[in-house]
Amino acid sequence: RLSCAASRNIFSIYTMNWYRQAPGKQREFVATITSGGSTNYA
């Protein structure tokens, strides 16, 4: 389980995402969650 801590409360307006980058490859989208709670995944 990975965690990402924000220094301030931003989740009311920001869309939060996870990306990843393997050696020698471009950064790719992994997952997203909107301020309203909608999610999507690669």
Full PDB file with SEQRES, HELIX, SHEET, SSBOND, CRYST1, ORIGX, SCALE, CONECT and MASTER records, all heavy atoms in Angstrom:
SEQRES   1 A   42  ARG LEU SER CYS ALA ALA SER ARG ASN ILE PHE SER ILE          
SEQRES   2 A   42  TYR THR MET ASN TRP TYR ARG GLN ALA PRO GLY LYS GLN          
SEQRES   3 A   42  ARG GLU PHE VAL ALA THR ILE THR SER GLY GLY SER THR          
SEQRES   4 A   42  ASN TYR ALA                                                  
SHEET    1 AA1 3 MET A  16  ARG A  20  0                                        
SHEET    2 AA1 3 GLU A  28  ILE A  33 -1                                        
SHEET    3 AA1 3 THR A  39  TYR A  41 -1                                        
CRYST1    1.000    1.000    1.000  90.00  90.00  90.00 P 1           1          
ORIGX1      1.000000  0.000000  0.000000        0.00000                         
ORIGX2      0.000000  1.000000  0.000000        0.00000                         
ORIGX3      0.000000  0.000000  1.000000        0.00000                         
SCALE1      1.000000  0.000000  0.000000        0.00000                         
SCALE2      0.000000  1.000000  0.000000        0.00000                         
SCALE3      0.000000  0.000000  1.000000        0.00000                         
ATOM      1  N   ARG A   1       0.832  -1.191   0.000  1.00  0.00           N  
ATOM      2  CA  ARG A   1       0.000   0.000   0.000  1.00  0.00           C  
ATOM      3  C   ARG A   1       0.870   1.245   0.000  1.00  0.00           C  
ATOM      4  O   ARG A   1       1.686   1.441   0.904  1.00  0.00           O  
ATOM      5  CB  ARG A   1      -0.950   0.045   1.205  1.00  0.00           C  
ATOM      6  CG  ARG A   1      -1.965   1.191   1.105  1.00  0.00           C  
ATOM      7  CD  ARG A   1      -2.965   1.212   2.243  1.00  0.00           C  
ATOM      8  NE  ARG A   1      -2.383   1.732   3.472  1.00  0.00           N  
ATOM      9  CZ  ARG A   1      -3.107   2.155   4.509  1.00  0.00           C  
ATOM     10  NH1 ARG A   1      -4.435   2.100   4.463  1.00  0.00           N  
ATOM     11  NH2 ARG A   1      -2.496   2.599   5.600  1.00  0.00           N  
ATOM     12  N   LEU A   2       0.692   2.075  -1.004  1.00  0.00           N  
ATOM     13  CA  LEU A   2       1.400   3.334  -1.110  1.00  0.00           C  
ATOM     14  C   LEU A   2       0.556   4.455  -0.523  1.00  0.00           C  
ATOM     15  O   LEU A   2      -0.666   4.447  -0.630  1.00  0.00           O  
ATOM     16  CB  LEU A   2       1.730   3.662  -2.565  1.00  0.00           C  
ATOM     17  CG  LEU A   2       2.495   2.602  -3.359  1.00  0.00           C  
ATOM     18  CD1 LEU A   2       2.785   3.118  -4.759  1.00  0.00           C  
ATOM     19  CD2 LEU A   2       3.774   2.206  -2.647  1.00  0.00           C  
ATOM     20  N   SER A   3       1.222   5.433   0.075  1.00  0.00           N  
ATOM     21  CA  SER A   3       0.544   6.585   0.645  1.00  0.00           C  
ATOM     22  C   SER A   3       1.112   7.869   0.062  1.00  0.00           C  
ATOM     23  O   SER A   3       2.294   7.940  -0.274  1.00  0.00           O  
ATOM     24  CB  SER A   3       0.700   6.613   2.168  1.00  0.00           C  
ATOM     25  OG  SER A   3       0.132   5.476   2.771  1.00  0.00           O  
ATOM     26  N   CYS A   4       0.269   8.875  -0.047  1.00  0.00           N  
ATOM     27  CA  CYS A   4       0.673  10.193  -0.511  1.00  0.00           C  
ATOM     28  C   CYS A   4       0.019  11.212   0.408  1.00  0.00           C  
ATOM     29  O   CYS A   4      -1.199  11.406   0.357  1.00  0.00           O  
ATOM     30  CB  CYS A   4       0.248  10.407  -1.965  1.00  0.00           C  
ATOM     31  SG  CYS A   4       0.514  12.080  -2.589  1.00  0.00           S  
ATOM     32  N   ALA A   5       0.818  11.852   1.240  1.00  0.00           N  
ATOM     33  CA  ALA A   5       0.312  12.813   2.208  1.00  0.00           C  
ATOM     34  C   ALA A   5       0.439  14.232   1.671  1.00  0.00           C  
ATOM     35  O   ALA A   5       1.519  14.639   1.233  1.00  0.00           O  
ATOM     36  CB  ALA A   5       1.066  12.680   3.529  1.00  0.00           C  
ATOM     37  N   ALA A   6      -0.654  14.981   1.714  1.00  0.00           N  
ATOM     38  CA  ALA A   6      -0.663  16.378   1.294  1.00  0.00           C  
ATOM     39  C   ALA A   6      -0.502  17.287   2.499  1.00  0.00           C  
ATOM     40  O   ALA A   6      -1.054  17.013   3.566  1.00  0.00           O  
ATOM     41  CB  ALA A   6      -1.954  16.710   0.559  1.00  0.00           C  
ATOM     42  N   SER A   7       0.242  18.367   2.327  1.00  0.00           N  
ATOM     43  CA  SER A   7       0.492  19.273   3.437  1.00  0.00           C  
ATOM     44  C   SER A   7      -0.738  20.087   3.812  1.00  0.00           C  
ATOM     45  O   SER A   7      -0.808  20.626   4.910  1.00  0.00           O  
ATOM     46  CB  SER A   7       1.651  20.214   3.103  1.00  0.00           C  
ATOM     47  OG  SER A   7       1.378  20.963   1.935  1.00  0.00           O  
ATOM     48  N   ARG A   8      -1.696  20.188   2.912  1.00  0.00           N  
ATOM     49  CA  ARG A   8      -2.952  20.868   3.166  1.00  0.00           C  
ATOM     50  C   ARG A   8      -4.102  20.071   2.574  1.00  0.00           C  
ATOM     51  O   ARG A   8      -3.899  19.217   1.713  1.00  0.00           O  
ATOM     52  CB  ARG A   8      -2.940  22.282   2.587  1.00  0.00           C  
ATOM     53  CG  ARG A   8      -1.991  23.237   3.289  1.00  0.00           C  
ATOM     54  CD  ARG A   8      -2.024  24.607   2.651  1.00  0.00           C  
ATOM     55  NE  ARG A   8      -1.221  25.566   3.380  1.00  0.00           N  
ATOM     56  CZ  ARG A   8       0.084  25.717   3.235  1.00  0.00           C  
ATOM     57  NH1 ARG A   8       0.743  24.953   2.364  1.00  0.00           N  
ATOM     58  NH2 ARG A   8       0.742  26.610   3.940  1.00  0.00           N  
ATOM     59  N   ASN A   9      -5.306  20.385   3.032  1.00  0.00           N  
ATOM     60  CA  ASN A   9      -6.488  19.711   2.524  1.00  0.00           C  
ATOM     61  C   ASN A   9      -6.824  20.239   1.136  1.00  0.00           C  
ATOM     62  O   ASN A   9      -7.277  21.373   0.983  1.00  0.00           O  
ATOM     63  CB  ASN A   9      -7.662  19.903   3.475  1.00  0.00           C  
ATOM     64  CG  ASN A   9      -8.895  19.148   3.036  1.00  0.00           C  
ATOM     65  OD1 ASN A   9      -8.836  18.314   2.129  1.00  0.00           O  
ATOM     66  ND2 ASN A   9     -10.016  19.432   3.671  1.00  0.00           N  
ATOM     67  N   ILE A  10      -6.605  19.413   0.117  1.00  0.00           N  
ATOM     68  CA  ILE A  10      -6.857  19.812  -1.261  1.00  0.00           C  
ATOM     69  C   ILE A  10      -7.872  18.910  -1.952  1.00  0.00           C  
ATOM     70  O   ILE A  10      -8.246  19.161  -3.092  1.00  0.00           O  
ATOM     71  CB  ILE A  10      -5.559  19.832  -2.090  1.00  0.00           C  
ATOM     72  CG1 ILE A  10      -4.943  18.434  -2.155  1.00  0.00           C  
ATOM     73  CG2 ILE A  10      -4.579  20.827  -1.508  1.00  0.00           C  
ATOM     74  CD1 ILE A  10      -3.758  18.330  -3.097  1.00  0.00           C  
ATOM     75  N   PHE A  11      -8.314  17.879  -1.273  1.00  0.00           N  
ATOM     76  CA  PHE A  11      -9.149  16.869  -1.916  1.00  0.00           C  
ATOM     77  C   PHE A  11     -10.544  17.367  -2.273  1.00  0.00           C  
ATOM     78  O   PHE A  11     -11.249  16.717  -3.042  1.00  0.00           O  
ATOM     79  CB  PHE A  11      -9.249  15.624  -1.034  1.00  0.00           C  
ATOM     80  CG  PHE A  11      -7.932  14.943  -0.790  1.00  0.00           C  
ATOM     81  CD1 PHE A  11      -7.712  14.231   0.379  1.00  0.00           C  
ATOM     82  CD2 PHE A  11      -6.912  15.013  -1.725  1.00  0.00           C  
ATOM     83  CE1 PHE A  11      -6.502  13.607   0.611  1.00  0.00           C  
ATOM     84  CE2 PHE A  11      -5.696  14.395  -1.501  1.00  0.00           C  
ATOM     85  CZ  PHE A  11      -5.489  13.690  -0.328  1.00  0.00           C  
ATOM     86  N   SER A  12     -10.955  18.510  -1.750  1.00  0.00           N  
ATOM     87  CA  SER A  12     -12.266  19.039  -2.071  1.00  0.00           C  
ATOM     88  C   SER A  12     -12.351  19.559  -3.500  1.00  0.00           C  
ATOM     89  O   SER A  12     -13.441  19.662  -4.061  1.00  0.00           O  
ATOM     90  CB  SER A  12     -12.654  20.147  -1.093  1.00  0.00           C  
ATOM     91  OG  SER A  12     -11.742  21.231  -1.169  1.00  0.00           O  
ATOM     92  N   ILE A  13     -11.204  19.878  -4.107  1.00  0.00           N  
ATOM     93  CA  ILE A  13     -11.211  20.428  -5.452  1.00  0.00           C  
ATOM     94  C   ILE A  13     -10.273  19.704  -6.417  1.00  0.00           C  
ATOM     95  O   ILE A  13     -10.498  19.720  -7.627  1.00  0.00           O  
ATOM     96  CB  ILE A  13     -10.864  21.933  -5.457  1.00  0.00           C  
ATOM     97  CG1 ILE A  13      -9.508  22.176  -4.800  1.00  0.00           C  
ATOM     98  CG2 ILE A  13     -11.953  22.733  -4.756  1.00  0.00           C  
ATOM     99  CD1 ILE A  13      -9.020  23.601  -4.919  1.00  0.00           C  
ATOM    100  N   TYR A  14      -9.232  19.063  -5.916  1.00  0.00           N  
ATOM    101  CA  TYR A  14      -8.233  18.444  -6.783  1.00  0.00           C  
ATOM    102  C   TYR A  14      -8.600  17.022  -7.173  1.00  0.00           C  
ATOM    103  O   TYR A  14      -9.163  16.262  -6.385  1.00  0.00           O  
ATOM    104  CB  TYR A  14      -6.864  18.420  -6.100  1.00  0.00           C  
ATOM    105  CG  TYR A  14      -6.111  19.724  -6.153  1.00  0.00           C  
ATOM    106  CD1 TYR A  14      -6.517  20.820  -5.413  1.00  0.00           C  
ATOM    107  CD2 TYR A  14      -4.969  19.843  -6.941  1.00  0.00           C  
ATOM    108  CE1 TYR A  14      -5.819  22.014  -5.462  1.00  0.00           C  
ATOM    109  CE2 TYR A  14      -4.262  21.031  -6.986  1.00  0.00           C  
ATOM    110  CZ  TYR A  14      -4.690  22.114  -6.247  1.00  0.00           C  
ATOM    111  OH  TYR A  14      -3.977  23.290  -6.285  1.00  0.00           O  
ATOM    112  N   THR A  15      -8.260  16.684  -8.407  1.00  0.00           N  
ATOM    113  CA  THR A  15      -8.279  15.304  -8.853  1.00  0.00           C  
ATOM    114  C   THR A  15      -6.920  14.691  -8.522  1.00  0.00           C  
ATOM    115  O   THR A  15      -5.884  15.257  -8.860  1.00  0.00           O  
ATOM    116  CB  THR A  15      -8.551  15.212 -10.357  1.00  0.00           C  
ATOM    117  OG1 THR A  15      -9.873  15.685 -10.628  1.00  0.00           O  
ATOM    118  CG2 THR A  15      -8.435  13.775 -10.837  1.00  0.00           C  
ATOM    119  N   MET A  16      -6.929  13.536  -7.872  1.00  0.00           N  
ATOM    120  CA  MET A  16      -5.703  12.882  -7.449  1.00  0.00           C  
ATOM    121  C   MET A  16      -5.424  11.679  -8.342  1.00  0.00           C  
ATOM    122  O   MET A  16      -6.339  10.939  -8.717  1.00  0.00           O  
ATOM    123  CB  MET A  16      -5.801  12.433  -5.996  1.00  0.00           C  
ATOM    124  CG  MET A  16      -6.142  13.552  -5.023  1.00  0.00           C  
ATOM    125  SD  MET A  16      -4.922  14.895  -5.007  1.00  0.00           S  
ATOM    126  CE  MET A  16      -3.453  14.021  -4.452  1.00  0.00           C  
ATOM    127  N   ASN A  17      -4.147  11.490  -8.654  1.00  0.00           N  
ATOM    128  CA  ASN A  17      -3.758  10.442  -9.591  1.00  0.00           C  
ATOM    129  C   ASN A  17      -2.495   9.728  -9.124  1.00  0.00           C  
ATOM    130  O   ASN A  17      -1.681  10.276  -8.381  1.00  0.00           O  
ATOM    131  CB  ASN A  17      -3.478  11.025 -10.982  1.00  0.00           C  
ATOM    132  CG  ASN A  17      -4.569  11.948 -11.452  1.00  0.00           C  
ATOM    133  OD1 ASN A  17      -5.600  11.494 -11.959  1.00  0.00           O  
ATOM    134  ND2 ASN A  17      -4.362  13.256 -11.298  1.00  0.00           N  
ATOM    135  N   TRP A  18      -2.342   8.494  -9.599  1.00  0.00           N  
ATOM    136  CA  TRP A  18      -1.090   7.763  -9.487  1.00  0.00           C  
ATOM    137  C   TRP A  18      -0.557   7.482 -10.887  1.00  0.00           C  
ATOM    138  O   TRP A  18      -1.314   7.064 -11.774  1.00  0.00           O  
ATOM    139  CB  TRP A  18      -1.271   6.430  -8.747  1.00  0.00           C  
ATOM    140  CG  TRP A  18      -1.490   6.567  -7.276  1.00  0.00           C  
ATOM    141  CD1 TRP A  18      -2.673   6.523  -6.619  1.00  0.00           C  
ATOM    142  CD2 TRP A  18      -0.479   6.754  -6.268  1.00  0.00           C  
ATOM    143  NE1 TRP A  18      -2.475   6.667  -5.265  1.00  0.00           N  
ATOM    144  CE2 TRP A  18      -1.144   6.811  -5.021  1.00  0.00           C  
ATOM    145  CE3 TRP A  18       0.912   6.872  -6.301  1.00  0.00           C  
ATOM    146  CZ2 TRP A  18      -0.460   6.986  -3.816  1.00  0.00           C  
ATOM    147  CZ3 TRP A  18       1.591   7.054  -5.102  1.00  0.00           C  
ATOM    148  CH2 TRP A  18       0.913   7.107  -3.886  1.00  0.00           C  
ATOM    149  N   TYR A  19       0.722   7.729 -11.073  1.00  0.00           N  
ATOM    150  CA  TYR A  19       1.442   7.382 -12.289  1.00  0.00           C  
ATOM    151  C   TYR A  19       2.622   6.499 -11.911  1.00  0.00           C  
ATOM    152  O   TYR A  19       3.012   6.438 -10.741  1.00  0.00           O  
ATOM    153  CB  TYR A  19       1.959   8.631 -13.006  1.00  0.00           C  
ATOM    154  CG  TYR A  19       0.888   9.477 -13.657  1.00  0.00           C  
ATOM    155  CD1 TYR A  19       0.136  10.377 -12.914  1.00  0.00           C  
ATOM    156  CD2 TYR A  19       0.648   9.380 -15.029  1.00  0.00           C  
ATOM    157  CE1 TYR A  19      -0.841  11.161 -13.516  1.00  0.00           C  
ATOM    158  CE2 TYR A  19      -0.322  10.160 -15.637  1.00  0.00           C  
ATOM    159  CZ  TYR A  19      -1.058  11.050 -14.873  1.00  0.00           C  
ATOM    160  OH  TYR A  19      -2.018  11.827 -15.475  1.00  0.00           O  
ATOM    161  N   ARG A  20       3.201   5.827 -12.894  1.00  0.00           N  
ATOM    162  CA  ARG A  20       4.396   5.045 -12.639  1.00  0.00           C  
ATOM    163  C   ARG A  20       5.319   5.095 -13.847  1.00  0.00           C  
ATOM    164  O   ARG A  20       4.882   5.320 -14.968  1.00  0.00           O  
ATOM    165  CB  ARG A  20       4.057   3.593 -12.291  1.00  0.00           C  
ATOM    166  CG  ARG A  20       3.466   2.779 -13.437  1.00  0.00           C  
ATOM    167  CD  ARG A  20       3.063   1.402 -12.949  1.00  0.00           C  
ATOM    168  NE  ARG A  20       2.549   0.569 -14.021  1.00  0.00           N  
ATOM    169  CZ  ARG A  20       2.031  -0.639 -13.849  1.00  0.00           C  
ATOM    170  NH1 ARG A  20       1.959  -1.168 -12.628  1.00  0.00           N  
ATOM    171  NH2 ARG A  20       1.585  -1.330 -14.891  1.00  0.00           N  
ATOM    172  N   GLN A  21       6.601   4.887 -13.595  1.00  0.00           N  
ATOM    173  CA  GLN A  21       7.587   4.892 -14.653  1.00  0.00           C  
ATOM    174  C   GLN A  21       8.608   3.785 -14.406  1.00  0.00           C  
ATOM    175  O   GLN A  21       9.322   3.803 -13.401  1.00  0.00           O  
ATOM    176  CB  GLN A  21       8.294   6.248 -14.748  1.00  0.00           C  
ATOM    177  CG  GLN A  21       9.227   6.369 -15.932  1.00  0.00           C  
ATOM    178  CD  GLN A  21       9.695   7.794 -16.155  1.00  0.00           C  
ATOM    179  OE1 GLN A  21       9.679   8.616 -15.232  1.00  0.00           O  
ATOM    180  NE2 GLN A  21      10.109   8.097 -17.369  1.00  0.00           N  
ATOM    181  N   ALA A  22       8.658   2.832 -15.317  1.00  0.00           N  
ATOM    182  CA  ALA A  22       9.628   1.751 -15.261  1.00  0.00           C  
ATOM    183  C   ALA A  22      10.909   2.198 -15.957  1.00  0.00           C  
ATOM    184  O   ALA A  22      10.879   3.078 -16.819  1.00  0.00           O  
ATOM    185  CB  ALA A  22       9.070   0.494 -15.919  1.00  0.00           C  
ATOM    186  N   PRO A  23      12.050   1.598 -15.608  1.00  0.00           N  
ATOM    187  CA  PRO A  23      13.310   1.968 -16.259  1.00  0.00           C  
ATOM    188  C   PRO A  23      13.239   1.829 -17.774  1.00  0.00           C  
ATOM    189  O   PRO A  23      12.799   0.802 -18.292  1.00  0.00           O  
ATOM    190  CB  PRO A  23      14.311   0.977 -15.666  1.00  0.00           C  
ATOM    191  CG  PRO A  23      13.733   0.611 -14.342  1.00  0.00           C  
ATOM    192  CD  PRO A  23      12.248   0.583 -14.561  1.00  0.00           C  
ATOM    193  N   GLY A  24      13.646   2.873 -18.479  1.00  0.00           N  
ATOM    194  CA  GLY A  24      13.650   2.850 -19.928  1.00  0.00           C  
ATOM    195  C   GLY A  24      12.307   3.046 -20.584  1.00  0.00           C  
ATOM    196  O   GLY A  24      12.206   2.958 -21.806  1.00  0.00           O  
ATOM    197  N   LYS A  25      11.271   3.312 -19.806  1.00  0.00           N  
ATOM    198  CA  LYS A  25       9.938   3.494 -20.350  1.00  0.00           C  
ATOM    199  C   LYS A  25       9.380   4.864 -19.978  1.00  0.00           C  
ATOM    200  O   LYS A  25       9.864   5.522 -19.058  1.00  0.00           O  
ATOM    201  CB  LYS A  25       8.992   2.405 -19.860  1.00  0.00           C  
ATOM    202  CG  LYS A  25       9.338   1.007 -20.347  1.00  0.00           C  
ATOM    203  CD  LYS A  25       8.268   0.014 -19.952  1.00  0.00           C  
ATOM    204  CE  LYS A  25       8.553  -1.366 -20.505  1.00  0.00           C  
ATOM    205  NZ  LYS A  25       7.484  -2.336 -20.141  1.00  0.00           N  
ATOM    206  N   GLN A  26       8.347   5.279 -20.704  1.00  0.00           N  
ATOM    207  CA  GLN A  26       7.684   6.540 -20.416  1.00  0.00           C  
ATOM    208  C   GLN A  26       6.781   6.410 -19.197  1.00  0.00           C  
ATOM    209  O   GLN A  26       6.322   5.318 -18.862  1.00  0.00           O  
ATOM    210  CB  GLN A  26       6.858   6.999 -21.625  1.00  0.00           C  
ATOM    211  CG  GLN A  26       7.680   7.336 -22.859  1.00  0.00           C  
ATOM    212  CD  GLN A  26       6.826   7.857 -23.995  1.00  0.00           C  
ATOM    213  OE1 GLN A  26       5.593   7.854 -23.918  1.00  0.00           O  
ATOM    214  NE2 GLN A  26       7.472   8.314 -25.045  1.00  0.00           N  
ATOM    215  N   ARG A  27       6.538   7.524 -18.545  1.00  0.00           N  
ATOM    216  CA  ARG A  27       5.623   7.533 -17.423  1.00  0.00           C  
ATOM    217  C   ARG A  27       4.214   7.205 -17.906  1.00  0.00           C  
ATOM    218  O   ARG A  27       3.759   7.712 -18.939  1.00  0.00           O  
ATOM    219  CB  ARG A  27       5.657   8.903 -16.741  1.00  0.00           C  
ATOM    220  CG  ARG A  27       4.844   8.976 -15.469  1.00  0.00           C  
ATOM    221  CD  ARG A  27       5.040  10.326 -14.782  1.00  0.00           C  
ATOM    222  NE  ARG A  27       6.429  10.557 -14.418  1.00  0.00           N  
ATOM    223  CZ  ARG A  27       6.858  11.639 -13.770  1.00  0.00           C  
ATOM    224  NH1 ARG A  27       6.001  12.583 -13.420  1.00  0.00           N  
ATOM    225  NH2 ARG A  27       8.139  11.767 -13.491  1.00  0.00           N  
ATOM    226  N   GLU A  28       3.511   6.351 -17.172  1.00  0.00           N  
ATOM    227  CA  GLU A  28       2.187   5.934 -17.574  1.00  0.00           C  
ATOM    228  C   GLU A  28       1.169   6.139 -16.457  1.00  0.00           C  
ATOM    229  O   GLU A  28       1.493   6.073 -15.270  1.00  0.00           O  
ATOM    230  CB  GLU A  28       2.176   4.467 -18.016  1.00  0.00           C  
ATOM    231  CG  GLU A  28       2.485   3.477 -16.912  1.00  0.00           C  
ATOM    232  CD  GLU A  28       2.314   2.032 -17.348  1.00  0.00           C  
ATOM    233  OE1 GLU A  28       1.626   1.782 -18.355  1.00  0.00           O  
ATOM    234  OE2 GLU A  28       2.880   1.140 -16.668  1.00  0.00           O  
ATOM    235  N   PHE A  29      -0.052   6.362 -16.856  1.00  0.00           N  
ATOM    236  CA  PHE A  29      -1.163   6.535 -15.931  1.00  0.00           C  
ATOM    237  C   PHE A  29      -1.501   5.220 -15.263  1.00  0.00           C  
ATOM    238  O   PHE A  29      -1.500   4.166 -15.889  1.00  0.00           O  
ATOM    239  CB  PHE A  29      -2.378   7.071 -16.695  1.00  0.00           C  
ATOM    240  CG  PHE A  29      -3.664   6.998 -15.930  1.00  0.00           C  
ATOM    241  CD1 PHE A  29      -3.982   7.945 -14.978  1.00  0.00           C  
ATOM    242  CD2 PHE A  29      -4.564   5.975 -16.175  1.00  0.00           C  
ATOM    243  CE1 PHE A  29      -5.173   7.884 -14.276  1.00  0.00           C  
ATOM    244  CE2 PHE A  29      -5.757   5.897 -15.488  1.00  0.00           C  
ATOM    245  CZ  PHE A  29      -6.059   6.859 -14.530  1.00  0.00           C  
ATOM    246  N   VAL A  30      -1.821   5.279 -13.972  1.00  0.00           N  
ATOM    247  CA  VAL A  30      -2.188   4.092 -13.211  1.00  0.00           C  
ATOM    248  C   VAL A  30      -3.633   4.169 -12.719  1.00  0.00           C  
ATOM    249  O   VAL A  30      -4.431   3.272 -12.968  1.00  0.00           O  
ATOM    250  CB  VAL A  30      -1.256   3.871 -12.011  1.00  0.00           C  
ATOM    251  CG1 VAL A  30      -1.733   2.692 -11.161  1.00  0.00           C  
ATOM    252  CG2 VAL A  30       0.172   3.633 -12.493  1.00  0.00           C  
ATOM    253  N   ALA A  31      -3.970   5.249 -12.003  1.00  0.00           N  
ATOM    254  CA  ALA A  31      -5.303   5.359 -11.411  1.00  0.00           C  
ATOM    255  C   ALA A  31      -5.620   6.811 -11.100  1.00  0.00           C  
ATOM    256  O   ALA A  31      -4.726   7.636 -10.936  1.00  0.00           O  
ATOM    257  CB  ALA A  31      -5.402   4.518 -10.135  1.00  0.00           C  
ATOM    258  N   THR A  32      -6.906   7.119 -10.999  1.00  0.00           N  
ATOM    259  CA  THR A  32      -7.346   8.472 -10.678  1.00  0.00           C  
ATOM    260  C   THR A  32      -8.576   8.437  -9.785  1.00  0.00           C  
ATOM    261  O   THR A  32      -9.355   7.473  -9.817  1.00  0.00           O  
ATOM    262  CB  THR A  32      -7.666   9.276 -11.964  1.00  0.00           C  
ATOM    263  OG1 THR A  32      -7.924  10.649 -11.631  1.00  0.00           O  
ATOM    264  CG2 THR A  32      -8.890   8.701 -12.675  1.00  0.00           C  
ATOM    265  N   ILE A  33      -8.737   9.469  -8.979  1.00  0.00           N  
ATOM    266  CA  ILE A  33      -9.938   9.654  -8.169  1.00  0.00           C  
ATOM    267  C   ILE A  33     -10.248  11.145  -8.133  1.00  0.00           C  
ATOM    268  O   ILE A  33      -9.388  11.966  -7.837  1.00  0.00           O  
ATOM    269  CB  ILE A  33      -9.778   9.060  -6.752  1.00  0.00           C  
ATOM    270  CG1 ILE A  33     -11.080   9.211  -5.958  1.00  0.00           C  
ATOM    271  CG2 ILE A  33      -8.605   9.685  -6.014  1.00  0.00           C  
ATOM    272  CD1 ILE A  33     -11.091   8.403  -4.665  1.00  0.00           C  
ATOM    273  N   THR A  34     -11.494  11.507  -8.448  1.00  0.00           N  
ATOM    274  CA  THR A  34     -11.903  12.904  -8.453  1.00  0.00           C  
ATOM    275  C   THR A  34     -12.320  13.340  -7.061  1.00  0.00           C  
ATOM    276  O   THR A  34     -12.456  12.531  -6.146  1.00  0.00           O  
ATOM    277  CB  THR A  34     -13.064  13.131  -9.428  1.00  0.00           C  
ATOM    278  OG1 THR A  34     -14.246  12.493  -8.906  1.00  0.00           O  
ATOM    279  CG2 THR A  34     -12.755  12.564 -10.801  1.00  0.00           C  
ATOM    280  N   SER A  35     -12.545  14.643  -6.906  1.00  0.00           N  
ATOM    281  CA  SER A  35     -13.001  15.161  -5.628  1.00  0.00           C  
ATOM    282  C   SER A  35     -14.363  14.592  -5.240  1.00  0.00           C  
ATOM    283  O   SER A  35     -14.695  14.529  -4.056  1.00  0.00           O  
ATOM    284  CB  SER A  35     -13.065  16.689  -5.658  1.00  0.00           C  
ATOM    285  OG  SER A  35     -13.968  17.141  -6.654  1.00  0.00           O  
ATOM    286  N   GLY A  36     -15.133  14.179  -6.242  1.00  0.00           N  
ATOM    287  CA  GLY A  36     -16.430  13.571  -5.995  1.00  0.00           C  
ATOM    288  C   GLY A  36     -16.381  12.085  -5.729  1.00  0.00           C  
ATOM    289  O   GLY A  36     -17.406  11.473  -5.422  1.00  0.00           O  
ATOM    290  N   GLY A  37     -15.193  11.476  -5.869  1.00  0.00           N  
ATOM    291  CA  GLY A  37     -15.032  10.067  -5.560  1.00  0.00           C  
ATOM    292  C   GLY A  37     -15.059   9.123  -6.743  1.00  0.00           C  
ATOM    293  O   GLY A  37     -14.944   7.907  -6.562  1.00  0.00           O  
ATOM    294  N   SER A  38     -15.203   9.640  -7.953  1.00  0.00           N  
ATOM    295  CA  SER A  38     -15.175   8.786  -9.138  1.00  0.00           C  
ATOM    296  C   SER A  38     -13.763   8.271  -9.383  1.00  0.00           C  
ATOM    297  O   SER A  38     -12.794   9.019  -9.257  1.00  0.00           O  
ATOM    298  CB  SER A  38     -15.669   9.544 -10.362  1.00  0.00           C  
ATOM    299  OG  SER A  38     -17.010   9.963 -10.196  1.00  0.00           O  
ATOM    300  N   THR A  39     -13.641   6.994  -9.750  1.00  0.00           N  
ATOM    301  CA  THR A  39     -12.331   6.381  -9.974  1.00  0.00           C  
ATOM    302  C   THR A  39     -12.223   5.794 -11.364  1.00  0.00           C  
ATOM    303  O   THR A  39     -13.224   5.457 -12.002  1.00  0.00           O  
ATOM    304  CB  THR A  39     -12.059   5.274  -8.944  1.00  0.00           C  
ATOM    305  OG1 THR A  39     -13.066   4.255  -9.055  1.00  0.00           O  
ATOM    306  CG2 THR A  39     -12.071   5.834  -7.533  1.00  0.00           C  
ATOM    307  N   ASN A  40     -10.981   5.652 -11.822  1.00  0.00           N  
ATOM    308  CA  ASN A  40     -10.701   5.013 -13.089  1.00  0.00           C  
ATOM    309  C   ASN A  40      -9.298   4.430 -13.019  1.00  0.00           C  
ATOM    310  O   ASN A  40      -8.438   4.943 -12.293  1.00  0.00           O  
ATOM    311  CB  ASN A  40     -10.824   5.996 -14.252  1.00  0.00           C  
ATOM    312  CG  ASN A  40     -10.892   5.302 -15.590  1.00  0.00           C  
ATOM    313  OD1 ASN A  40     -11.325   4.157 -15.699  1.00  0.00           O  
ATOM    314  ND2 ASN A  40     -10.474   5.998 -16.640  1.00  0.00           N  
ATOM    315  N   TYR A  41      -9.054   3.351 -13.779  1.00  0.00           N  
ATOM    316  CA  TYR A  41      -7.800   2.634 -13.708  1.00  0.00           C  
ATOM    317  C   TYR A  41      -7.283   2.291 -15.094  1.00  0.00           C  
ATOM    318  O   TYR A  41      -8.061   2.106 -16.038  1.00  0.00           O  
ATOM    319  CB  TYR A  41      -7.958   1.328 -12.925  1.00  0.00           C  
ATOM    320  CG  TYR A  41      -8.419   1.513 -11.502  1.00  0.00           C  
ATOM    321  CD1 TYR A  41      -9.772   1.565 -11.191  1.00  0.00           C  
ATOM    322  CD2 TYR A  41      -7.498   1.634 -10.470  1.00  0.00           C  
ATOM    323  CE1 TYR A  41     -10.200   1.735  -9.891  1.00  0.00           C  
ATOM    324  CE2 TYR A  41      -7.916   1.804  -9.163  1.00  0.00           C  
ATOM    325  CZ  TYR A  41      -9.268   1.855  -8.880  1.00  0.00           C  
ATOM    326  OH  TYR A  41      -9.683   2.021  -7.579  1.00  0.00           O  
ATOM    327  N   ALA A  42      -5.965   2.188 -15.193  1.00  0.00           N  
ATOM    328  CA  ALA A  42      -5.365   1.639 -16.394  1.00  0.00           C  
ATOM    329  C   ALA A  42      -5.751   0.168 -16.506  1.00  0.00           C  
ATOM    330  O   ALA A  42      -5.903  -0.524 -15.500  1.00  0.00           O  
ATOM    331  CB  ALA A  42      -3.848   1.785 -16.349  1.00  0.00           C  
TER     332      ALA A  42                                                      
MASTER        0    0    0    0    3    0    0    6  331    1    0    4          
END                                                                             
